[in-house]
Amino acid sequence: MLVAVVTLFPELFQTFLATSFVGRAVEAGALKVHLEPLRQHGLGKHLSVDDTPYGGGSGMVMRPDCVLAGVEAAERALGVERATQRVLLTPQGQRFEQGRAAELAREHSVVLVCGRYEGFDERVRLFMDAELSIGDFVLTGGEVPAMCVIEATIRHLPGVLGNAESISEESFSPLCSGRLEYPQFTRPANFRGHEVPAILLSGDHGKVARWRQQQSLERTQARRPDLLAKRGGGADQ
């Protein structure tokens, strides 16, 4: 998978791209990442990529000419004429969820554009394929959301995780019917007076499976009832 990140702060990604399974994916060739320094496409002595908003207002707005120059340079660095997905990272975007991560993993090339300041000139959106947000809150920039998108997406690439089944039965996965994952336990069997549920020690795989399904439902009802509402609720949804 080819990924480019257009950012004012490429140095923020260096450790991230060299650590844990993200680093292993890069080393194995499953993931190629190019970091495009947006400042290189700035204007004037100070290489400015922002300007004051027309109509007045506080803050600065990212210029469309600088942003698109960065996107197109990133695509050239990836060796593609145009990325199959150009993604703007912004609080105004569609909520990034597990299903979207799986969709992005099937793309050949993705360019992630990180915002700063008061946001983008509206015309930037005319050249994008998607806008994504990681939640209903505002960050100083799009770099952390870009890392979230990369990590969530590449978990769906073949061979990236040591155990491919680990994504099939986790929160939001199809086998969990889009619900939260059931509780997990490991040794010791007794930790400070708290016992592992006896059913998990029973060896009865059928009972364990039913228990996990019920726990998944109850946990979702308690913590994320919105997930059940989206699917119509119920244990067998």
Protein backbone atom coordinates (compact mmCIF):
# COMPACT_ATOMS: atom_id res chain seq x y z
CA MET A 1 0.00 0.00 0.00
CA LEU A 2 1.28 3.47 -0.91
CA VAL A 3 0.60 6.30 1.54
CA ALA A 4 1.74 9.91 1.42
CA VAL A 5 1.25 12.44 4.19
CA VAL A 6 1.26 16.14 3.35
CA THR A 7 2.23 17.94 6.54
CA LEU A 8 4.01 20.95 7.98
CA PHE A 9 5.63 18.67 10.55
CA PRO A 10 6.99 15.49 8.89
CA GLU A 11 9.34 14.94 11.83
CA LEU A 12 6.35 13.96 13.98
CA PHE A 13 6.01 10.74 11.97
CA GLN A 14 9.57 9.45 12.17
CA THR A 15 9.24 7.43 15.39
CA PHE A 16 5.68 6.36 14.59
CA LEU A 17 6.71 4.84 11.25
CA ALA A 18 9.62 2.97 12.80
CA THR A 19 7.77 1.47 15.78
CA SER A 20 5.83 -1.74 16.43
CA PHE A 21 3.82 -3.34 13.62
CA VAL A 22 3.78 -0.09 11.62
CA GLY A 23 7.55 -0.24 11.43
CA ARG A 24 7.41 -3.93 10.55
CA ALA A 25 4.94 -3.22 7.75
CA VAL A 26 7.28 -0.60 6.32
CA GLU A 27 10.30 -2.88 6.67
CA ALA A 28 8.47 -5.79 5.03
CA GLY A 29 7.34 -3.65 2.12
CA ALA A 30 3.62 -3.99 2.84
CA LEU A 31 3.50 -0.24 3.45
CA LYS A 32 5.41 2.52 1.72
CA VAL A 33 5.06 5.98 3.24
CA HIS A 34 6.22 9.27 1.80
CA LEU A 35 6.23 12.40 3.97
CA GLU A 36 5.75 15.54 1.90
CA PRO A 37 6.89 18.72 3.74
CA LEU A 38 4.22 21.28 2.97
CA ARG A 39 6.58 24.14 3.83
CA GLN A 40 8.56 23.35 0.68
CA HIS A 41 5.56 24.59 -1.28
CA GLY A 42 5.21 27.83 0.63
CA LEU A 43 5.53 31.29 -0.86
CA GLY A 44 7.87 34.20 -0.26
CA LYS A 45 10.85 34.57 2.03
CA HIS A 46 9.06 32.81 4.89
CA LEU A 47 7.58 30.02 2.74
CA SER A 48 4.08 30.89 3.93
CA VAL A 49 1.33 28.35 3.27
CA ASP A 50 -1.47 30.36 4.89
CA ASP A 51 -3.07 33.78 4.54
CA THR A 52 -5.76 35.94 6.12
CA PRO A 53 -9.37 35.00 5.34
CA TYR A 54 -11.41 36.99 2.83
CA GLY A 55 -14.29 38.71 4.58
CA GLY A 56 -12.33 39.08 7.81
CA GLY A 57 -12.16 36.89 10.86
CA SER A 58 -9.60 35.50 13.25
CA GLY A 59 -6.81 33.13 12.39
CA MET A 60 -5.19 32.12 9.14
CA VAL A 61 -6.42 29.86 6.33
CA MET A 62 -4.31 27.36 4.39
CA ARG A 63 -3.87 28.44 0.76
CA PRO A 64 -5.25 26.14 -1.95
CA ASP A 65 -2.25 26.62 -4.28
CA CYS A 66 0.23 25.53 -1.60
CA VAL A 67 -1.85 22.57 -0.44
CA LEU A 68 -2.48 21.22 -3.94
CA ALA A 69 1.16 21.69 -4.87
CA GLY A 70 2.03 19.51 -1.88
CA VAL A 71 -0.54 16.86 -2.83
CA GLU A 72 0.68 16.64 -6.42
CA ALA A 73 4.32 16.49 -5.33
CA ALA A 74 3.43 13.68 -2.92
CA GLU A 75 1.77 11.74 -5.73
CA ARG A 76 4.85 12.11 -7.92
CA ALA A 77 6.97 10.81 -5.04
CA LEU A 78 4.70 7.75 -4.81
CA GLY A 79 5.08 7.19 -8.56
CA VAL A 80 1.40 7.65 -9.38
CA GLU A 81 -0.30 10.14 -11.66
CA ARG A 82 -3.05 10.59 -9.10
CA ALA A 83 -3.68 8.80 -5.82
CA THR A 84 -6.74 6.58 -5.75
CA GLN A 85 -7.81 8.45 -2.61
CA ARG A 86 -7.01 12.00 -1.59
CA VAL A 87 -8.13 12.44 2.01
CA LEU A 88 -8.48 15.67 3.93
CA LEU A 89 -8.19 15.34 7.71
CA THR A 90 -10.58 17.83 9.27
CA PRO A 91 -13.13 18.02 12.12
CA GLN A 92 -15.77 18.60 9.45
CA GLY A 93 -15.12 15.22 7.85
CA GLN A 94 -17.01 11.95 8.02
CA ARG A 95 -16.39 10.02 11.24
CA PHE A 96 -13.53 7.57 10.66
CA GLU A 97 -14.65 4.06 11.64
CA GLN A 98 -13.49 0.47 11.29
CA GLY A 99 -15.35 -0.12 8.04
CA ARG A 100 -13.70 2.91 6.46
CA ALA A 101 -10.29 1.62 7.54
CA ALA A 102 -10.99 -1.68 5.76
CA GLU A 103 -12.05 0.23 2.64
CA LEU A 104 -8.88 2.32 2.61
CA ALA A 105 -6.78 -0.82 2.96
CA ARG A 106 -8.08 -1.90 -0.45
CA GLU A 107 -6.87 1.30 -2.10
CA HIS A 108 -3.63 1.29 -4.08
CA SER A 109 -2.49 4.76 -3.02
CA VAL A 110 -3.72 7.26 -0.44
CA VAL A 111 -2.67 10.85 0.21
CA LEU A 112 -3.50 12.18 3.69
CA VAL A 113 -3.54 15.97 3.97
CA CYS A 114 -2.96 17.41 7.45
CA GLY A 115 -4.47 20.79 8.22
CA ARG A 116 -3.28 23.53 10.57
CA TYR A 117 -4.39 27.04 11.56
CA GLU A 118 -8.11 27.77 10.98
CA GLY A 119 -8.49 25.15 8.27
CA PHE A 120 -8.38 24.96 4.50
CA ASP A 121 -9.49 27.31 1.78
CA GLU A 122 -12.82 25.81 0.71
CA ARG A 123 -11.54 25.22 -2.83
CA VAL A 124 -9.12 22.57 -1.57
CA ARG A 125 -12.15 20.32 -1.08
CA LEU A 126 -12.88 20.37 -4.81
CA PHE A 127 -9.71 18.34 -5.38
CA MET A 128 -10.24 15.77 -2.61
CA ASP A 129 -12.02 12.41 -2.62
CA ALA A 130 -12.90 12.26 1.06
CA GLU A 131 -12.79 14.13 4.37
CA LEU A 132 -12.25 12.22 7.60
CA SER A 133 -12.49 13.12 11.27
CA ILE A 134 -11.45 10.95 14.22
CA GLY A 135 -14.03 12.49 16.55
CA ASP A 136 -16.08 15.47 17.57
CA PHE A 137 -13.23 17.54 18.94
CA VAL A 138 -10.63 19.91 17.52
CA LEU A 139 -6.89 19.33 17.43
CA THR A 140 -4.17 21.80 16.49
CA GLY A 141 -3.40 19.83 13.36
CA GLY A 142 -4.12 16.71 11.34
CA GLU A 143 -0.94 14.81 12.13
CA VAL A 144 -2.34 12.71 14.99
CA PRO A 145 -5.48 11.84 12.97
CA ALA A 146 -3.23 10.83 10.07
CA MET A 147 -1.38 8.42 12.35
CA CYS A 148 -4.71 6.99 13.54
CA VAL A 149 -5.86 6.45 9.96
CA ILE A 150 -2.59 4.78 8.96
CA GLU A 151 -2.49 2.43 11.94
CA ALA A 152 -6.16 1.43 11.73
CA THR A 153 -5.92 0.90 7.99
CA ILE A 154 -2.77 -1.18 7.69
CA ARG A 155 -4.04 -3.65 10.28
CA HIS A 156 -6.25 -4.89 7.43
CA LEU A 157 -3.34 -5.52 5.06
CA PRO A 158 -2.45 -9.22 4.60
CA GLY A 159 0.54 -10.29 6.66
CA VAL A 160 0.85 -7.09 8.70
CA LEU A 161 -0.43 -8.61 11.95
CA GLY A 162 1.21 -11.72 13.32
CA ASN A 163 -2.20 -13.36 13.75
CA ALA A 164 -4.63 -12.49 10.96
CA GLU A 165 -7.57 -13.66 13.10
CA SER A 166 -6.90 -10.95 15.67
CA ILE A 167 -8.90 -8.41 13.64
CA SER A 168 -11.82 -10.73 13.00
CA GLU A 169 -13.16 -10.84 16.56
CA GLU A 170 -12.43 -7.41 17.96
CA SER A 171 -14.60 -4.36 18.60
CA PHE A 172 -16.61 -3.23 15.54
CA SER A 173 -15.65 -6.34 13.52
CA PRO A 174 -18.23 -8.37 11.54
CA LEU A 175 -17.90 -11.36 13.90
CA CYS A 176 -18.80 -9.01 16.76
CA SER A 177 -21.74 -7.76 14.66
CA GLY A 178 -20.31 -4.26 14.87
CA ARG A 179 -20.51 -4.31 18.68
CA LEU A 180 -17.79 -3.89 21.29
CA GLU A 181 -15.54 -6.84 21.99
CA TYR A 182 -16.29 -9.13 24.93
CA PRO A 183 -14.07 -9.03 28.07
CA GLN A 184 -10.73 -10.82 27.84
CA PHE A 185 -8.78 -12.54 30.63
CA THR A 186 -5.38 -14.17 31.06
CA ARG A 187 -3.19 -15.43 33.92
CA PRO A 188 -3.27 -15.26 36.89
CA ALA A 189 -6.66 -16.90 37.39
CA ASN A 190 -7.05 -14.96 40.64
CA PHE A 191 -5.79 -11.40 40.75
CA ARG A 192 -6.21 -9.60 44.07
CA GLY A 193 -9.41 -11.46 44.79
CA HIS A 194 -10.88 -11.09 41.31
CA GLU A 195 -11.46 -14.46 39.61
CA VAL A 196 -11.54 -15.26 35.92
CA PRO A 197 -15.15 -16.24 35.03
CA ALA A 198 -15.49 -19.97 35.55
CA ILE A 199 -17.07 -20.53 32.14
CA LEU A 200 -13.79 -19.56 30.45
CA LEU A 201 -12.07 -22.39 32.32
CA SER A 202 -14.75 -24.95 31.51
CA GLY A 203 -13.39 -26.12 28.16
CA ASP A 204 -16.91 -25.97 26.68
CA HIS A 205 -16.34 -23.93 23.52
CA GLY A 206 -20.04 -23.61 22.76
CA LYS A 207 -20.81 -22.13 26.16
CA VAL A 208 -17.79 -19.85 25.91
CA ALA A 209 -18.95 -18.56 22.52
CA ARG A 210 -22.46 -17.85 23.82
CA TRP A 211 -21.06 -16.16 26.94
CA ARG A 212 -18.83 -13.94 24.82
CA GLN A 213 -21.71 -12.97 22.55
CA GLN A 214 -23.86 -12.03 25.53
CA GLN A 215 -21.02 -10.09 27.16
CA SER A 216 -20.40 -8.24 23.92
CA LEU A 217 -24.05 -7.24 23.74
CA GLU A 218 -24.24 -6.15 27.37
CA ARG A 219 -21.03 -4.15 27.14
CA THR A 220 -22.23 -2.39 24.01
CA GLN A 221 -25.62 -1.63 25.58
CA ALA A 222 -23.88 -0.11 28.59
CA ARG A 223 -21.10 1.80 26.86
CA ARG A 224 -22.10 2.41 23.24
CA PRO A 225 -25.87 2.00 22.78
CA ASP A 226 -25.55 4.07 19.60
CA LEU A 227 -23.87 1.10 17.92
CA LEU A 228 -26.92 -1.07 18.61
CA ALA A 229 -29.26 1.65 17.41
CA LYS A 230 -27.44 1.77 14.08
CA ARG A 231 -27.92 -1.99 13.61
CA GLY A 232 -31.44 -2.19 15.03
CA GLY A 233 -30.38 -3.59 18.44
CA GLY A 234 -30.77 -7.13 19.72
CA ALA A 235 -28.40 -9.99 20.35
CA ASP A 236 -28.67 -11.48 16.89
CA GLN A 237 -28.26 -8.27 14.86
